[in-house]
PDB file of N, CA and C in Angstrom:
ATOM      1  N   MET A   1     202.658 -56.394 178.754  1.00  0.00           N
ATOM      2  CA  MET A   1     203.386 -56.880 179.904  1.00  0.00           C
ATOM      3  C   MET A   1     203.418 -55.788 180.976  1.00  0.00           C
ATOM      4  N   ASN A   2     203.132 -56.158 182.199  1.00  0.00           N
ATOM      5  CA  ASN A   2     203.115 -55.210 183.299  1.00  0.00           C
ATOM      6  C   ASN A   2     204.478 -55.191 183.972  1.00  0.00           C
ATOM      7  N   ASN A   3     205.168 -54.047 183.891  1.00  0.00           N
ATOM      8  CA  ASN A   3     206.484 -53.916 184.492  1.00  0.00           C
ATOM      9  C   ASN A   3     206.450 -53.138 185.799  1.00  0.00           C
ATOM     10  N   SER A   4     205.283 -53.003 186.411  1.00  0.00           N
ATOM     11  CA  SER A   4     205.173 -52.168 187.602  1.00  0.00           C
ATOM     12  C   SER A   4     206.015 -52.707 188.758  1.00  0.00           C
ATOM     13  N   HIS A   5     206.228 -54.029 188.814  1.00  0.00           N
ATOM     14  CA  HIS A   5     207.021 -54.576 189.919  1.00  0.00           C
ATOM     15  C   HIS A   5     208.483 -54.170 189.809  1.00  0.00           C
ATOM     16  N   TYR A   6     208.936 -53.750 188.632  1.00  0.00           N
ATOM     17  CA  TYR A   6     210.309 -53.282 188.471  1.00  0.00           C
ATOM     18  C   TYR A   6     210.501 -51.899 189.083  1.00  0.00           C
ATOM     19  N   ASN A   7     209.421 -51.180 189.320  1.00  0.00           N
ATOM     20  CA  ASN A   7     209.501 -49.845 189.893  1.00  0.00           C
ATOM     21  C   ASN A   7     209.355 -49.841 191.408  1.00  0.00           C
ATOM     22  N   GLU A   8     209.166 -50.997 191.994  1.00  0.00           N
ATOM     23  CA  GLU A   8     209.021 -51.085 193.442  1.00  0.00           C
ATOM     24  C   GLU A   8     210.402 -51.066 194.096  1.00  0.00           C
ATOM     25  N   PRO A   9     210.545 -50.343 195.203  1.00  0.00           N
ATOM     26  CA  PRO A   9     211.841 -50.357 195.898  1.00  0.00           C
ATOM     27  C   PRO A   9     212.104 -51.725 196.519  1.00  0.00           C
ATOM     28  N   LYS A  10     213.364 -52.067 196.607  1.00  0.00           N
ATOM     29  CA  LYS A  10     213.771 -53.294 197.297  1.00  0.00           C
ATOM     30  C   LYS A  10     214.061 -52.898 198.736  1.00  0.00           C
ATOM     31  N   THR A  11     213.347 -53.510 199.670  1.00  0.00           N
ATOM     32  CA  THR A  11     213.477 -53.121 201.070  1.00  0.00           C
ATOM     33  C   THR A  11     214.201 -54.197 201.881  1.00  0.00           C
ATOM     34  N   GLN A  12     214.838 -53.732 202.945  1.00  0.00           N
ATOM     35  CA  GLN A  12     215.510 -54.631 203.870  1.00  0.00           C
ATOM     36  C   GLN A  12     215.281 -54.115 205.283  1.00  0.00           C
ATOM     37  N   THR A  13     214.742 -54.952 206.149  1.00  0.00           N
ATOM     38  CA  THR A  13     214.564 -54.583 207.541  1.00  0.00           C
ATOM     39  C   THR A  13     215.924 -54.566 208.220  1.00  0.00           C
ATOM     40  N   LEU A  14     216.233 -53.451 208.881  1.00  0.00           N
ATOM     41  CA  LEU A  14     217.503 -53.314 209.589  1.00  0.00           C
ATOM     42  C   LEU A  14     217.376 -53.738 211.043  1.00  0.00           C
ATOM     43  N   ALA A  15     216.230 -53.447 211.644  1.00  0.00           N
ATOM     44  CA  ALA A  15     215.967 -53.810 213.036  1.00  0.00           C
ATOM     45  C   ALA A  15     214.475 -53.677 213.286  1.00  0.00           C
ATOM     46  N   GLU A  16     213.994 -54.445 214.268  1.00  0.00           N
ATOM     47  CA  GLU A  16     212.568 -54.419 214.560  1.00  0.00           C
ATOM     48  C   GLU A  16     212.331 -54.832 216.006  1.00  0.00           C
ATOM     49  N   THR A  17     211.432 -54.125 216.663  1.00  0.00           N
ATOM     50  CA  THR A  17     210.956 -54.492 217.995  1.00  0.00           C
ATOM     51  C   THR A  17     209.441 -54.598 217.906  1.00  0.00           C
ATOM     52  N   ASP A  18     208.784 -54.741 219.044  1.00  0.00           N
ATOM     53  CA  ASP A  18     207.322 -54.834 219.028  1.00  0.00           C
ATOM     54  C   ASP A  18     206.662 -53.587 218.467  1.00  0.00           C
ATOM     55  N   ASN A  19     207.238 -52.403 218.750  1.00  0.00           N
ATOM     56  CA  ASN A  19     206.590 -51.142 218.378  1.00  0.00           C
ATOM     57  C   ASN A  19     207.384 -50.267 217.417  1.00  0.00           C
ATOM     58  N   PHE A  20     208.622 -50.636 217.143  1.00  0.00           N
ATOM     59  CA  PHE A  20     209.495 -49.810 216.319  1.00  0.00           C
ATOM     60  C   PHE A  20     210.130 -50.648 215.222  1.00  0.00           C
ATOM     61  N   GLN A  21     210.493 -49.967 214.124  1.00  0.00           N
ATOM     62  CA  GLN A  21     211.142 -50.672 213.014  1.00  0.00           C
ATOM     63  C   GLN A  21     212.025 -49.694 212.248  1.00  0.00           C
ATOM     64  N   ALA A  22     213.123 -50.212 211.737  1.00  0.00           N
ATOM     65  CA  ALA A  22     213.992 -49.439 210.847  1.00  0.00           C
ATOM     66  C   ALA A  22     214.231 -50.288 209.610  1.00  0.00           C
ATOM     67  N   TRP A  23     214.136 -49.657 208.428  1.00  0.00           N
ATOM     68  CA  TRP A  23     214.393 -50.386 207.205  1.00  0.00           C
ATOM     69  C   TRP A  23     215.019 -49.480 206.164  1.00  0.00           C
ATOM     70  N   ARG A  24     215.611 -50.116 205.176  1.00  0.00           N
ATOM     71  CA  ARG A  24     216.279 -49.428 204.068  1.00  0.00           C
ATOM     72  C   ARG A  24     215.551 -49.800 202.787  1.00  0.00           C
ATOM     73  N   ALA A  25     215.441 -48.826 201.894  1.00  0.00           N
ATOM     74  CA  ALA A  25     214.813 -49.078 200.592  1.00  0.00           C
ATOM     75  C   ALA A  25     215.759 -48.635 199.490  1.00  0.00           C
ATOM     76  N   GLU A  26     216.023 -49.551 198.571  1.00  0.00           N
ATOM     77  CA  GLU A  26     216.788 -49.231 197.364  1.00  0.00           C
ATOM     78  C   GLU A  26     215.758 -48.800 196.327  1.00  0.00           C
ATOM     79  N   GLU A  27     215.717 -47.511 196.080  1.00  0.00           N
ATOM     80  CA  GLU A  27     214.709 -46.946 195.182  1.00  0.00           C
ATOM     81  C   GLU A  27     215.041 -47.256 193.722  1.00  0.00           C
ATOM     82  N   PRO A  28     214.023 -47.280 192.846  1.00  0.00           N
ATOM     83  CA  PRO A  28     214.255 -47.565 191.426  1.00  0.00           C
ATOM     84  C   PRO A  28     215.228 -46.585 190.757  1.00  0.00           C
ATOM     85  N   ASP A  29     215.327 -45.358 191.296  1.00  0.00           N
ATOM     86  CA  ASP A  29     216.240 -44.383 190.696  1.00  0.00           C
ATOM     87  C   ASP A  29     217.678 -44.548 191.185  1.00  0.00           C
ATOM     88  N   GLY A  30     217.926 -45.581 192.014  1.00  0.00           N
ATOM     89  CA  GLY A  30     219.271 -45.851 192.497  1.00  0.00           C
ATOM     90  C   GLY A  30     219.588 -45.231 193.844  1.00  0.00           C
ATOM     91  N   GLU A  31     218.699 -44.391 194.367  1.00  0.00           N
ATOM     92  CA  GLU A  31     218.947 -43.767 195.659  1.00  0.00           C
ATOM     93  C   GLU A  31     218.512 -44.701 196.789  1.00  0.00           C
ATOM     94  N   THR A  32     219.238 -44.659 197.880  1.00  0.00           N
ATOM     95  CA  THR A  32     218.878 -45.423 199.065  1.00  0.00           C
ATOM     96  C   THR A  32     218.214 -44.488 200.060  1.00  0.00           C
ATOM     97  N   THR A  33     217.070 -44.890 200.566  1.00  0.00           N
ATOM     98  CA  THR A  33     216.397 -44.133 201.616  1.00  0.00           C
ATOM     99  C   THR A  33     216.236 -45.049 202.822  1.00  0.00           C
ATOM    100  N   TYR A  34     216.164 -44.428 203.981  1.00  0.00           N
ATOM    101  CA  TYR A  34     216.023 -45.159 205.238  1.00  0.00           C
ATOM    102  C   TYR A  34     214.759 -44.696 205.919  1.00  0.00           C
ATOM    103  N   TYR A  35     214.147 -45.599 206.672  1.00  0.00           N
ATOM    104  CA  TYR A  35     212.896 -45.296 207.354  1.00  0.00           C
ATOM    105  C   TYR A  35     212.989 -45.752 208.798  1.00  0.00           C
ATOM    106  N   LEU A  36     212.463 -44.922 209.658  1.00  0.00           N
ATOM    107  CA  LEU A  36     212.415 -45.222 211.075  1.00  0.00           C
ATOM    108  C   LEU A  36     210.971 -45.068 211.512  1.00  0.00           C
ATOM    109  N   GLN A  37     210.357 -46.167 211.911  1.00  0.00           N
ATOM    110  CA  GLN A  37     208.981 -46.138 212.387  1.00  0.00           C
ATOM    111  C   GLN A  37     208.998 -46.227 213.901  1.00  0.00           C
ATOM    112  N   ILE A  38     208.459 -45.206 214.535  1.00  0.00           N
ATOM    113  CA  ILE A  38     208.388 -45.129 215.987  1.00  0.00           C
ATOM    114  C   ILE A  38     206.918 -45.034 216.341  1.00  0.00           C
ATOM    115  N   GLY A  39     206.348 -46.143 216.736  1.00  0.00           N
ATOM    116  CA  GLY A  39     204.908 -46.163 216.989  1.00  0.00           C
ATOM    117  C   GLY A  39     204.170 -45.870 215.698  1.00  0.00           C
ATOM    118  N   ARG A  40     203.365 -44.819 215.690  1.00  0.00           N
ATOM    119  CA  ARG A  40     202.582 -44.469 214.504  1.00  0.00           C
ATOM    120  C   ARG A  40     203.295 -43.503 213.582  1.00  0.00           C
ATOM    121  N   ALA A  41     204.445 -42.986 214.000  1.00  0.00           N
ATOM    122  CA  ALA A  41     205.195 -42.018 213.187  1.00  0.00           C
ATOM    123  C   ALA A  41     206.269 -42.744 212.369  1.00  0.00           C
ATOM    124  N   THR A  42     206.367 -42.379 211.100  1.00  0.00           N
ATOM    125  CA  THR A  42     207.427 -42.897 210.239  1.00  0.00           C
ATOM    126  C   THR A  42     208.212 -41.713 209.705  1.00  0.00           C
ATOM    127  N   ILE A  43     209.525 -41.768 209.900  1.00  0.00           N
ATOM    128  CA  ILE A  43     210.415 -40.699 209.474  1.00  0.00           C
ATOM    129  C   ILE A  43     211.318 -41.273 208.391  1.00  0.00           C
ATOM    130  N   ASN A  44     211.445 -40.538 207.280  1.00  0.00           N
ATOM    131  CA  ASN A  44     212.334 -41.018 206.223  1.00  0.00           C
ATOM    132  C   ASN A  44     213.604 -40.176 206.185  1.00  0.00           C
ATOM    133  N   PHE A  45     214.703 -40.816 205.803  1.00  0.00           N
ATOM    134  CA  PHE A  45     216.018 -40.204 205.781  1.00  0.00           C
ATOM    135  C   PHE A  45     216.672 -40.459 204.430  1.00  0.00           C
ATOM    136  N   PHE A  46     217.332 -39.450 203.898  1.00  0.00           N
ATOM    137  CA  PHE A  46     218.250 -39.669 202.790  1.00  0.00           C
ATOM    138  C   PHE A  46     219.595 -40.052 203.405  1.00  0.00           C
ATOM    139  N   GLN A  47     220.524 -40.498 202.592  1.00  0.00           N
ATOM    140  CA  GLN A  47     221.774 -41.051 203.104  1.00  0.00           C
ATOM    141  C   GLN A  47     222.490 -40.104 204.073  1.00  0.00           C
ATOM    142  N   GLU A  48     222.629 -38.831 203.731  1.00  0.00           N
ATOM    143  CA  GLU A  48     223.345 -37.898 204.594  1.00  0.00           C
ATOM    144  C   GLU A  48     222.648 -37.747 205.955  1.00  0.00           C
ATOM    145  N   GLU A  49     221.327 -37.706 205.943  1.00  0.00           N
ATOM    146  CA  GLU A  49     220.571 -37.594 207.186  1.00  0.00           C
ATOM    147  C   GLU A  49     220.710 -38.870 208.026  1.00  0.00           C
ATOM    148  N   TRP A  50     220.699 -40.010 207.349  1.00  0.00           N
ATOM    149  CA  TRP A  50     220.862 -41.285 208.054  1.00  0.00           C
ATOM    150  C   TRP A  50     222.246 -41.357 208.696  1.00  0.00           C
ATOM    151  N   ASP A  51     223.257 -40.898 207.988  1.00  0.00           N
ATOM    152  CA  ASP A  51     224.610 -40.881 208.544  1.00  0.00           C
ATOM    153  C   ASP A  51     224.652 -40.026 209.809  1.00  0.00           C
ATOM    154  N   GLN A  52     223.968 -38.891 209.799  1.00  0.00           N
ATOM    155  CA  GLN A  52     223.908 -38.030 210.983  1.00  0.00           C
ATOM    156  C   GLN A  52     223.181 -38.739 212.125  1.00  0.00           C
ATOM    157  N   PHE A  53     222.104 -39.436 211.807  1.00  0.00           N
ATOM    158  CA  PHE A  53     221.363 -40.186 212.806  1.00  0.00           C
ATOM    159  C   PHE A  53     222.244 -41.280 213.408  1.00  0.00           C
ATOM    160  N   MET A  54     223.001 -41.970 212.574  1.00  0.00           N
ATOM    161  CA  MET A  54     223.897 -43.016 213.067  1.00  0.00           C
ATOM    162  C   MET A  54     224.976 -42.432 213.976  1.00  0.00           C
ATOM    163  N   THR A  55     225.441 -41.235 213.682  1.00  0.00           N
ATOM    164  CA  THR A  55     226.409 -40.561 214.549  1.00  0.00           C
ATOM    165  C   THR A  55     225.771 -40.255 215.899  1.00  0.00           C
ATOM    166  N   PHE A  56     224.527 -39.778 215.874  1.00  0.00           N
ATOM    167  CA  PHE A  56     223.798 -39.512 217.118  1.00  0.00           C
ATOM    168  C   PHE A  56     223.701 -40.780 217.964  1.00  0.00           C
ATOM    169  N   LEU A  57     223.482 -41.926 217.327  1.00  0.00           N
ATOM    170  CA  LEU A  57     223.294 -43.172 218.068  1.00  0.00           C
ATOM    171  C   LEU A  57     224.531 -43.567 218.865  1.00  0.00           C
ATOM    172  N   LYS A  58     225.693 -43.116 218.446  1.00  0.00           N
ATOM    173  CA  LYS A  58     226.919 -43.448 219.183  1.00  0.00           C
ATOM    174  C   LYS A  58     226.882 -42.881 220.599  1.00  0.00           C
ATOM    175  N   ASP A  59     226.127 -41.802 220.808  1.00  0.00           N
ATOM    176  CA  ASP A  59     226.043 -41.154 222.121  1.00  0.00           C
ATOM    177  C   ASP A  59     224.669 -41.317 222.761  1.00  0.00           C
ATOM    178  N   ILE A  60     223.891 -42.274 222.303  1.00  0.00           N
ATOM    179  CA  ILE A  60     222.512 -42.399 222.788  1.00  0.00           C
ATOM    180  C   ILE A  60     222.443 -42.670 224.289  1.00  0.00           C
ATOM    181  N   ASP A  61     223.460 -43.326 224.840  1.00  0.00           N
ATOM    182  CA  ASP A  61     223.439 -43.608 226.272  1.00  0.00           C
ATOM    183  C   ASP A  61     223.600 -42.345 227.111  1.00  0.00           C
ATOM    184  N   ASN A  62     224.025 -41.257 226.497  1.00  0.00           N
ATOM    185  CA  ASN A  62     224.185 -39.982 227.210  1.00  0.00           C
ATOM    186  C   ASN A  62     222.903 -39.148 227.241  1.00  0.00           C
ATOM    187  N   VAL A  63     221.879 -39.576 226.522  1.00  0.00           N
ATOM    188  CA  VAL A  63     220.618 -38.835 226.493  1.00  0.00           C
ATOM    189  C   VAL A  63     219.905 -39.047 227.826  1.00  0.00           C
ATOM    190  N   LYS A  64     219.474 -37.951 228.417  1.00  0.00           N
ATOM    191  CA  LYS A  64     218.783 -37.986 229.710  1.00  0.00           C
ATOM    192  C   LYS A  64     217.354 -37.487 229.538  1.00  0.00           C
ATOM    193  N   PRO A  65     216.449 -37.950 230.401  1.00  0.00           N
ATOM    194  CA  PRO A  65     215.062 -37.475 230.316  1.00  0.00           C
ATOM    195  C   PRO A  65     214.947 -36.031 230.795  1.00  0.00           C
ATOM    196  N   ASP A  66     213.872 -35.389 230.367  1.00  0.00           N
ATOM    197  CA  ASP A  66     213.604 -34.023 230.826  1.00  0.00           C
ATOM    198  C   ASP A  66     212.970 -34.070 232.222  1.00  0.00           C
ATOM    199  N   GLU A  67     212.530 -32.924 232.712  1.00  0.00           N
ATOM    200  CA  GLU A  67     211.967 -32.852 234.061  1.00  0.00           C
ATOM    201  C   GLU A  67     210.681 -33.659 234.219  1.00  0.00           C
ATOM    202  N   GLU A  68     210.040 -33.977 233.106  1.00  0.00           N
ATOM    203  CA  GLU A  68     208.830 -34.805 233.150  1.00  0.00           C
ATOM    204  C   GLU A  68     209.131 -36.281 232.906  1.00  0.00           C
ATOM    205  N   GLN A  69     210.427 -36.622 232.906  1.00  0.00           N
ATOM    206  CA  GLN A  69     210.905 -37.985 232.704  1.00  0.00           C
ATOM    207  C   GLN A  69     210.574 -38.522 231.311  1.00  0.00           C
ATOM    208  N   LEU A  70     210.583 -37.614 230.324  1.00  0.00           N
ATOM    209  CA  LEU A  70     210.374 -37.994 228.930  1.00  0.00           C
ATOM    210  C   LEU A  70     211.664 -37.795 228.152  1.00  0.00           C
ATOM    211  N   TYR A  71     211.916 -38.722 227.243  1.00  0.00           N
ATOM    212  CA  TYR A  71     213.071 -38.628 226.358  1.00  0.00           C
ATOM    213  C   TYR A  71     212.598 -38.010 225.055  1.00  0.00           C
ATOM    214  N   ARG A  72     213.407 -37.122 224.499  1.00  0.00           N
ATOM    215  CA  ARG A  72     213.003 -36.381 223.310  1.00  0.00           C
ATOM    216  C   ARG A  72     213.961 -36.647 222.163  1.00  0.00           C
ATOM    217  N   LEU A  73     213.376 -36.960 221.015  1.00  0.00           N
ATOM    218  CA  LEU A  73     214.118 -37.059 219.758  1.00  0.00           C
ATOM    219  C   LEU A  73     213.676 -35.893 218.893  1.00  0.00           C
ATOM    220  N   GLU A  74     214.613 -35.180 218.330  1.00  0.00           N
ATOM    221  CA  GLU A  74     214.300 -34.045 217.467  1.00  0.00           C
ATOM    222  C   GLU A  74     214.766 -34.339 216.050  1.00  0.00           C
ATOM    223  N   PHE A  75     213.860 -34.197 215.120  1.00  0.00           N
ATOM    224  CA  PHE A  75     214.166 -34.318 213.705  1.00  0.00           C
ATOM    225  C   PHE A  75     213.765 -33.004 213.044  1.00  0.00           C
ATOM    226  N   ASP A  76     214.039 -32.855 211.758  1.00  0.00           N
ATOM    227  CA  ASP A  76     213.791 -31.580 211.080  1.00  0.00           C
ATOM    228  C   ASP A  76     212.434 -30.967 211.387  1.00  0.00           C
ATOM    229  N   ASN A  77     211.379 -31.710 211.204  1.00  0.00           N
ATOM    230  CA  ASN A  77     210.040 -31.138 211.362  1.00  0.00           C
ATOM    231  C   ASN A  77     209.174 -31.890 212.356  1.00  0.00           C
ATOM    232  N   VAL A  78     209.796 -32.700 213.200  1.00  0.00           N
ATOM    233  CA  VAL A  78     209.001 -33.477 214.150  1.00  0.00           C
ATOM    234  C   VAL A  78     209.828 -33.730 215.410  1.00  0.00           C
ATOM    235  N   ASP A  79     209.161 -33.664 216.540  1.00  0.00           N
ATOM    236  CA  ASP A  79     209.758 -34.042 217.817  1.00  0.00           C
ATOM    237  C   ASP A  79     208.964 -35.227 218.348  1.00  0.00           C
ATOM    238  N   ILE A  80     209.667 -36.181 218.923  1.00  0.00           N
ATOM    239  CA  ILE A  80     209.018 -37.362 219.478  1.00  0.00           C
ATOM    240  C   ILE A  80     209.461 -37.496 220.922  1.00  0.00           C
ATOM    241  N   TRP A  81     208.489 -37.660 221.824  1.00  0.00           N
ATOM    242  CA  TRP A  81     208.779 -37.868 223.229  1.00  0.00           C
ATOM    243  C   TRP A  81     208.443 -39.300 223.589  1.00  0.00           C
ATOM    244  N   MET A  82     209.299 -39.899 224.418  1.00  0.00           N
ATOM    245  CA  MET A  82     209.084 -41.281 224.842  1.00  0.00           C
ATOM    246  C   MET A  82     209.244 -41.385 226.348  1.00  0.00           C
ATOM    247  N   ASP A  83     208.414 -42.250 226.931  1.00  0.00           N
ATOM    248  CA  ASP A  83     208.600 -42.540 228.350  1.00  0.00           C
ATOM    249  C   ASP A  83     209.740 -43.552 228.499  1.00  0.00           C
ATOM    250  N   GLU A  84     210.059 -43.906 229.716  1.00  0.00           N
ATOM    251  CA  GLU A  84     211.195 -44.798 230.002  1.00  0.00           C
ATOM    252  C   GLU A  84     211.079 -46.137 229.270  1.00  0.00           C
ATOM    253  N   GLU A  85     209.897 -46.722 229.289  1.00  0.00           N
ATOM    254  CA  GLU A  85     209.691 -48.028 228.654  1.00  0.00           C
ATOM    255  C   GLU A  85     209.928 -47.953 227.139  1.00  0.00           C
ATOM    256  N   ASP A  86     209.344 -46.945 226.493  1.00  0.00           N
ATOM    257  CA  ASP A  86     209.537 -46.787 225.048  1.00  0.00           C
ATOM    258  C   ASP A  86     210.988 -46.457 224.722  1.00  0.00           C
ATOM    259  N   TRP A  87     211.636 -45.656 225.567  1.00  0.00           N
ATOM    260  CA  TRP A  87     213.039 -45.302 225.336  1.00  0.00           C
ATOM    261  C   TRP A  87     213.923 -46.547 225.370  1.00  0.00           C
ATOM    262  N   LYS A  88     213.672 -47.442 226.319  1.00  0.00           N
ATOM    263  CA  LYS A  88     214.448 -48.688 226.391  1.00  0.00           C
ATOM    264  C   LYS A  88     214.238 -49.511 225.122  1.00  0.00           C
ATOM    265  N   GLU A  89     213.006 -49.577 224.664  1.00  0.00           N
ATOM    266  CA  GLU A  89     212.720 -50.328 223.438  1.00  0.00           C
ATOM    267  C   GLU A  89     213.399 -49.673 222.233  1.00  0.00           C
ATOM    268  N   PHE A  90     213.364 -48.344 222.175  1.00  0.00           N
ATOM    269  CA  PHE A  90     214.017 -47.625 221.093  1.00  0.00           C
ATOM    270  C   PHE A  90     215.525 -47.884 221.107  1.00  0.00           C
ATOM    271  N   LYS A  91     216.130 -47.867 222.287  1.00  0.00           N
ATOM    272  CA  LYS A  91     217.565 -48.137 222.388  1.00  0.00           C
ATOM    273  C   LYS A  91     217.884 -49.559 221.930  1.00  0.00           C
ATOM    274  N   ASN A  92     217.021 -50.521 222.240  1.00  0.00           N
ATOM    275  CA  ASN A  92     217.222 -51.885 221.739  1.00  0.00           C
ATOM    276  C   ASN A  92     217.188 -51.921 220.219  1.00  0.00           C
ATOM    277  N   LEU A  93     216.250 -51.184 219.654  1.00  0.00           N
ATOM    278  CA  LEU A  93     216.170 -51.100 218.197  1.00  0.00           C
ATOM    279  C   LEU A  93     217.457 -50.531 217.627  1.00  0.00           C
ATOM    280  N   THR A  94     217.937 -49.453 218.220  1.00  0.00           N
ATOM    281  CA  THR A  94     219.125 -48.788 217.668  1.00  0.00           C
ATOM    282  C   THR A  94     220.363 -49.664 217.774  1.00  0.00           C
ATOM    283  N   ARG A  95     220.441 -50.465 218.798  1.00  0.00           N
ATOM    284  CA  ARG A  95     221.587 -51.395 218.919  1.00  0.00           C
ATOM    285  C   ARG A  95     221.583 -52.409 217.781  1.00  0.00           C
ATOM    286  N   ASP A  96     220.385 -52.842 217.409  1.00  0.00           N
ATOM    287  CA  ASP A  96     220.276 -53.807 216.308  1.00  0.00           C
ATOM    288  C   ASP A  96     220.532 -53.172 214.948  1.00  0.00           C
ATOM    289  N   ILE A  97     220.265 -51.878 214.814  1.00  0.00           N
ATOM    290  CA  ILE A  97     220.505 -51.205 213.540  1.00  0.00           C
ATOM    291  C   ILE A  97     221.976 -51.264 213.170  1.00  0.00           C
ATOM    292  N   GLY A  98     222.827 -51.103 214.151  1.00  0.00           N
ATOM    293  CA  GLY A  98     224.263 -51.064 213.894  1.00  0.00           C
ATOM    294  C   GLY A  98     224.911 -52.403 213.604  1.00  0.00           C
ATOM    295  N   LYS A  99     224.174 -53.478 213.729  1.00  0.00           N
ATOM    296  CA  LYS A  99     224.759 -54.819 213.515  1.00  0.00           C
ATOM    297  C   LYS A  99     224.902 -55.148 212.053  1.00  0.00           C
TER     298      LYS A  99
END
């Protein structure tokens, strides 16, 4: 008997736009991980990191573009820059995450 499907995480989409997606995975070991896909980049979060990200989202409207009119997201080992159009789409995604 093949039990490999029992080892697959159970996933739930939290929010999705045309270019971005956020989802949660209940891992077989009982841990919950979160994923944020921004274009071609996918960033994974453990619960504590996700909680910090959710705290950041409370002030997302205060984020301003740099001198080149790019919005910057900083994570542990990756920085992501977005133009105005992508930033608006990202903000729409984040609003849906909190629902």
